[in-house]
Amino acid sequence: MPIPTEPIGSIPRPAELLAARQAFAEGRMTAAEFARAGEAALRDTIHRLEETGSPVITDGEQTKPSFATYPLEGISNLAPDGVVIPFEDGHTRQLPRLTAGPFRYGTRASTYLAAARRFTGLPLKQAVISASALSLLYPGTEIPGYPREQFLEDLVAEAAADIRGCLDQGADSVQIDFTEGRLALKLDSSGGLLASFIALNNRVLEHFSPEERRRIGVHTCPGGDRDATHSAAVDYAGLLPALFQLHAGRFYIQLASEKDPERVLEIIGRHRPIRPSSPG
């Protein structure tokens, strides 16, 4: 049985762009020079994706600082000592910590969509980060004058506006990256954390009509970074029943790295037909 696939996630950045980002961060390159380096990588990525014949393409997230933290560019109420995400090879990634309210996006995904549109006439899918991932920015102790529930209300509004901006700019579809789904079960095997993530993301999806939600999908995977993952050991069987409670119109599930993808497909078939994702 053929399995429909689509491009998912970040395309490896060329060495020239990585060097340019480092130089820009260190003050050795101007913003204009860095923008030109990013534009060259973006143009090349889109051209290569067009050559694959895929009916929908992405920008490969070439110019995002990361798939998870792009909304944080340009905001100052953050500290570097947030939640630490451990990977199975021993390395870690650390999220920032919110220090004060209100929470607002500094950069919206629609800016990346507009940049990509200049280089292709093909349908474009735009990836956005989930509200549940950004909820990890709030610290364990309450921020004075900015309770967690107010933060979540602001976060839901900002996440919905991020998706809305992409739809309004003509995105063929919007892909919510939910790589923390399996991670939630790794951190809390009771399923309570996962349930809270599902509920939060549904609060965002409630801002859209059934017709609009048909263009909004959710992507899940074991969270790849530096050829390692943070939650590949977590069985999809624990995630999928909860995942399909999301009020999204599409689901993109990475299968290429699974030891037994047929079993995962069987689990999927017991719940609903979806569009499994290609690797990446």
Protein backbone atom coordinates (compact mmCIF):
# COMPACT_ATOMS: atom_id res chain seq x y z
CA MET A 1 0.00 0.00 0.00
CA PRO A 2 1.56 3.34 -0.98
CA ILE A 3 1.97 5.78 1.90
CA PRO A 4 1.57 9.47 0.97
CA THR A 5 4.45 11.62 2.19
CA GLU A 6 5.39 15.29 2.36
CA PRO A 7 8.57 17.21 3.22
CA ILE A 8 8.76 17.65 6.98
CA GLY A 9 11.02 19.76 9.16
CA SER A 10 14.38 21.37 8.75
CA ILE A 11 16.65 20.76 5.77
CA PRO A 12 20.35 20.71 6.81
CA ARG A 13 21.80 24.18 6.45
CA PRO A 14 24.82 24.65 4.16
CA ALA A 15 28.19 25.33 5.77
CA GLU A 16 28.16 28.86 4.37
CA LEU A 17 24.95 29.72 6.21
CA LEU A 18 26.16 28.17 9.46
CA ALA A 19 29.36 30.21 9.23
CA ALA A 20 27.37 33.35 8.45
CA ARG A 21 25.09 32.85 11.47
CA GLN A 22 28.14 32.46 13.71
CA ALA A 23 29.77 35.56 12.24
CA PHE A 24 26.56 37.56 12.65
CA ALA A 25 26.21 36.45 16.29
CA GLU A 26 29.78 37.52 16.98
CA GLY A 27 29.34 40.91 15.31
CA ARG A 28 31.61 40.09 12.36
CA MET A 29 28.81 40.33 9.79
CA THR A 30 26.15 42.94 9.23
CA ALA A 31 22.42 42.13 9.26
CA ALA A 32 22.28 42.83 5.52
CA GLU A 33 25.14 40.43 4.79
CA PHE A 34 23.53 37.73 6.91
CA ALA A 35 20.20 38.27 5.15
CA ARG A 36 21.90 37.71 1.79
CA ALA A 37 23.44 34.45 3.02
CA GLY A 38 20.07 33.28 4.28
CA GLU A 39 18.37 34.22 1.01
CA ALA A 40 20.91 32.22 -1.00
CA ALA A 41 20.34 29.12 1.14
CA LEU A 42 16.58 29.58 0.98
CA ARG A 43 16.56 29.91 -2.81
CA ASP A 44 18.73 26.81 -3.23
CA THR A 45 16.63 24.73 -0.81
CA ILE A 46 13.37 25.61 -2.51
CA HIS A 47 14.83 24.86 -5.94
CA ARG A 48 16.02 21.44 -4.78
CA LEU A 49 12.65 20.64 -3.19
CA GLU A 50 10.90 21.65 -6.42
CA GLU A 51 13.06 19.14 -8.27
CA THR A 52 11.73 16.30 -6.10
CA GLY A 53 8.28 16.65 -7.66
CA SER A 54 6.58 16.99 -4.29
CA PRO A 55 3.09 18.54 -4.61
CA VAL A 56 3.85 20.80 -1.64
CA ILE A 57 7.16 22.18 -0.45
CA THR A 58 8.57 24.10 2.53
CA ASP A 59 11.34 26.60 3.15
CA GLY A 60 13.40 23.95 4.95
CA GLU A 61 13.49 26.34 7.94
CA GLN A 62 16.77 27.66 6.55
CA THR A 63 16.52 31.12 8.08
CA LYS A 64 14.90 30.30 11.43
CA PRO A 65 17.19 30.37 14.48
CA SER A 66 15.51 27.05 15.31
CA PHE A 67 12.15 25.42 14.60
CA ALA A 68 11.16 25.84 18.27
CA THR A 69 12.43 29.29 19.22
CA TYR A 70 11.77 31.50 16.19
CA PRO A 71 8.93 33.36 18.02
CA LEU A 72 11.44 34.47 20.64
CA GLU A 73 13.61 36.52 18.28
CA GLY A 74 13.29 40.15 19.23
CA ILE A 75 11.89 39.74 22.76
CA SER A 76 13.88 40.61 25.88
CA ASN A 77 11.96 39.12 28.83
CA LEU A 78 13.90 35.85 28.78
CA ALA A 79 16.73 34.24 30.74
CA PRO A 80 18.89 31.41 29.36
CA ASP A 81 18.34 28.93 32.22
CA GLY A 82 15.09 27.24 31.20
CA VAL A 83 14.01 23.62 30.77
CA VAL A 84 16.77 21.20 29.77
CA ILE A 85 15.90 18.55 27.16
CA PRO A 86 18.19 15.49 27.33
CA PHE A 87 18.99 13.49 24.21
CA GLU A 88 19.76 9.81 24.12
CA ASP A 89 23.43 10.32 23.20
CA GLY A 90 24.00 12.44 26.30
CA HIS A 91 23.88 15.96 24.85
CA THR A 92 21.22 18.44 25.90
CA ARG A 93 19.34 21.45 24.61
CA GLN A 94 18.14 24.19 26.95
CA LEU A 95 15.13 26.42 26.42
CA PRO A 96 15.00 30.01 27.67
CA ARG A 97 12.97 30.94 30.75
CA LEU A 98 10.31 33.64 30.74
CA THR A 99 11.13 36.30 33.35
CA ALA A 100 8.18 38.71 33.06
CA GLY A 101 4.92 39.20 31.29
CA PRO A 102 3.21 39.72 29.01
CA PHE A 103 4.26 37.03 26.55
CA ARG A 104 4.25 38.14 22.92
CA TYR A 105 5.85 36.67 19.81
CA GLY A 106 8.79 38.65 18.52
CA THR A 107 8.70 36.99 15.08
CA ARG A 108 5.82 35.29 13.28
CA ALA A 109 6.03 32.35 10.90
CA SER A 110 4.28 34.32 8.16
CA THR A 111 7.50 36.29 7.63
CA TYR A 112 9.25 33.06 6.56
CA LEU A 113 6.33 32.17 4.31
CA ALA A 114 6.49 35.55 2.59
CA ALA A 115 10.22 35.15 2.02
CA ALA A 116 9.79 31.68 0.52
CA ARG A 117 6.95 32.79 -1.76
CA ARG A 118 9.38 35.03 -3.67
CA PHE A 119 11.17 31.94 -5.00
CA THR A 120 8.38 29.54 -5.95
CA GLY A 121 4.91 29.32 -7.37
CA LEU A 122 4.29 25.85 -5.92
CA PRO A 123 2.03 25.27 -2.89
CA LEU A 124 3.90 26.06 0.32
CA LYS A 125 3.40 24.47 3.71
CA GLN A 126 4.50 26.55 6.69
CA ALA A 127 5.74 24.97 9.91
CA VAL A 128 4.90 26.63 13.25
CA ILE A 129 5.85 25.65 16.77
CA SER A 130 3.16 24.31 19.08
CA ALA A 131 1.79 26.22 22.03
CA SER A 132 2.63 23.24 24.22
CA ALA A 133 6.34 23.52 23.39
CA LEU A 134 6.36 27.23 24.22
CA SER A 135 4.46 26.57 27.46
CA LEU A 136 7.75 25.15 28.76
CA LEU A 137 9.11 28.71 28.88
CA TYR A 138 7.11 29.46 32.03
CA PRO A 139 9.15 28.68 35.17
CA GLY A 140 8.15 26.32 37.96
CA THR A 141 7.58 29.22 40.35
CA GLU A 142 4.99 31.87 39.52
CA ILE A 143 6.20 35.09 37.91
CA PRO A 144 5.14 38.01 40.17
CA GLY A 145 2.22 39.83 38.60
CA TYR A 146 1.93 37.35 35.75
CA PRO A 147 0.25 34.10 36.81
CA ARG A 148 0.60 30.99 34.70
CA GLU A 149 -3.03 31.03 33.55
CA GLN A 150 -2.63 34.56 32.16
CA PHE A 151 0.53 33.40 30.38
CA LEU A 152 -1.38 30.49 28.84
CA GLU A 153 -4.16 32.80 27.64
CA ASP A 154 -1.58 35.06 26.01
CA LEU A 155 0.25 32.06 24.55
CA VAL A 156 -2.91 30.60 23.01
CA ALA A 157 -3.76 33.95 21.43
CA GLU A 158 -0.25 34.36 20.03
CA ALA A 159 -0.08 30.79 18.68
CA ALA A 160 -3.47 31.18 17.00
CA ALA A 161 -2.37 34.49 15.45
CA ASP A 162 0.78 32.80 14.15
CA ILE A 163 -1.28 30.17 12.32
CA ARG A 164 -3.84 32.72 11.16
CA GLY A 165 -1.15 34.87 9.59
CA CYS A 166 0.10 31.92 7.52
CA LEU A 167 -3.39 30.96 6.33
CA ASP A 168 -4.16 34.57 5.44
CA GLN A 169 -0.96 34.75 3.38
CA GLY A 170 -2.04 31.76 1.32
CA ALA A 171 -0.20 28.86 2.89
CA ASP A 172 -1.40 25.60 1.35
CA SER A 173 -1.30 24.17 4.86
CA VAL A 174 0.16 24.88 8.27
CA GLN A 175 2.11 22.22 10.14
CA ILE A 176 2.20 22.44 13.95
CA ASP A 177 5.43 20.88 15.20
CA PHE A 178 4.60 18.72 18.22
CA THR A 179 7.89 16.88 18.77
CA GLU A 180 7.34 17.13 22.53
CA GLY A 181 4.46 14.64 22.37
CA ARG A 182 6.57 11.56 22.98
CA LEU A 183 8.88 13.58 25.22
CA ALA A 184 5.90 14.30 27.49
CA LEU A 185 5.48 10.57 28.07
CA LYS A 186 9.19 10.23 28.76
CA LEU A 187 9.00 12.95 31.40
CA ASP A 188 5.66 11.80 32.85
CA SER A 189 4.70 8.20 32.13
CA SER A 190 1.28 8.74 33.76
CA GLY A 191 0.17 10.69 30.68
CA GLY A 192 -0.83 13.76 32.66
CA LEU A 193 1.67 16.06 30.97
CA LEU A 194 0.69 14.80 27.53
CA ALA A 195 -3.00 15.35 28.31
CA SER A 196 -2.26 18.94 29.33
CA PHE A 197 -0.35 19.49 26.08
CA ILE A 198 -3.25 18.13 24.03
CA ALA A 199 -5.73 20.35 25.86
CA LEU A 200 -3.58 23.44 25.37
CA ASN A 201 -3.11 22.85 21.64
CA ASN A 202 -6.85 22.28 21.26
CA ARG A 203 -7.43 25.70 22.81
CA VAL A 204 -5.43 27.10 19.88
CA LEU A 205 -7.25 25.00 17.28
CA GLU A 206 -10.63 26.16 18.61
CA HIS A 207 -9.86 29.56 17.04
CA PHE A 208 -10.38 28.04 13.58
CA SER A 209 -13.41 26.80 11.66
CA PRO A 210 -13.72 23.13 10.62
CA GLU A 211 -12.84 24.15 7.06
CA GLU A 212 -9.71 25.99 8.22
CA ARG A 213 -8.66 23.08 10.42
CA ARG A 214 -8.59 20.84 7.36
CA ARG A 215 -5.54 22.88 6.32
CA ILE A 216 -3.89 22.62 9.74
CA GLY A 217 -1.84 19.53 10.55
CA VAL A 218 0.20 18.24 13.46
CA HIS A 219 3.65 16.71 13.07
CA THR A 220 5.14 14.31 15.59
CA CYS A 221 8.50 12.53 15.71
CA PRO A 222 11.04 11.38 18.33
CA GLY A 223 12.82 14.74 18.28
CA GLY A 224 16.01 14.57 16.22
CA ASP A 225 19.11 16.65 16.92
CA ARG A 226 22.77 15.92 16.08
CA ASP A 227 21.90 12.43 14.85
CA ALA A 228 20.23 11.62 18.19
CA THR A 229 16.66 11.78 19.48
CA HIS A 230 15.13 12.69 22.81
CA SER A 231 12.33 10.13 22.87
CA ALA A 232 12.68 7.36 20.27
CA ALA A 233 12.44 4.83 23.10
CA VAL A 234 8.88 5.99 23.85
CA ASP A 235 6.39 3.71 22.09
CA TYR A 236 4.05 5.36 19.61
CA ALA A 237 1.32 3.19 21.12
CA GLY A 238 1.32 5.48 24.15
CA LEU A 239 1.11 8.66 22.10
CA LEU A 240 -1.26 7.99 19.21
CA PRO A 241 -4.59 7.62 21.06
CA ALA A 242 -3.99 11.01 22.71
CA LEU A 243 -2.57 12.57 19.55
CA PHE A 244 -5.75 11.88 17.61
CA GLN A 245 -7.72 13.86 20.19
CA LEU A 246 -6.24 16.99 18.65
CA HIS A 247 -8.80 18.85 16.55
CA ALA A 248 -6.53 19.03 13.52
CA GLY A 249 -7.35 18.06 9.96
CA ARG A 250 -4.05 16.34 9.15
CA PHE A 251 -1.45 14.29 10.99
CA TYR A 252 2.16 13.82 9.92
CA ILE A 253 3.88 10.94 11.68
CA GLN A 254 7.52 10.06 11.18
CA LEU A 255 7.91 6.34 10.50
CA ALA A 256 11.29 6.03 8.77
CA SER A 257 13.25 5.70 12.02
CA GLU A 258 10.88 3.18 13.59
CA LYS A 259 12.03 -0.43 14.03
CA ASP A 260 8.54 -1.76 13.28
CA PRO A 261 6.65 0.77 11.14
CA GLU A 262 4.03 -1.82 10.16
CA ARG A 263 2.96 -2.11 13.80
CA VAL A 264 2.70 1.68 14.05
CA LEU A 265 0.56 1.75 10.91
CA GLU A 266 -1.68 -0.90 12.45
CA ILE A 267 -2.12 1.26 15.55
CA ILE A 268 -2.88 4.26 13.36
CA GLY A 269 -5.44 2.29 11.39
CA ARG A 270 -7.35 1.50 14.57
CA HIS A 271 -7.87 5.19 15.20
CA ARG A 272 -8.05 7.11 11.92
CA PRO A 273 -6.47 7.38 8.46
CA ILE A 274 -3.69 9.94 8.36
CA ARG A 275 -0.91 11.15 6.13
CA PRO A 276 2.36 9.72 7.50
CA SER A 277 5.37 11.94 7.01
CA SER A 278 8.57 11.47 5.13
CA PRO A 279 11.82 11.46 7.12
CA GLY A 280 13.29 14.83 8.05
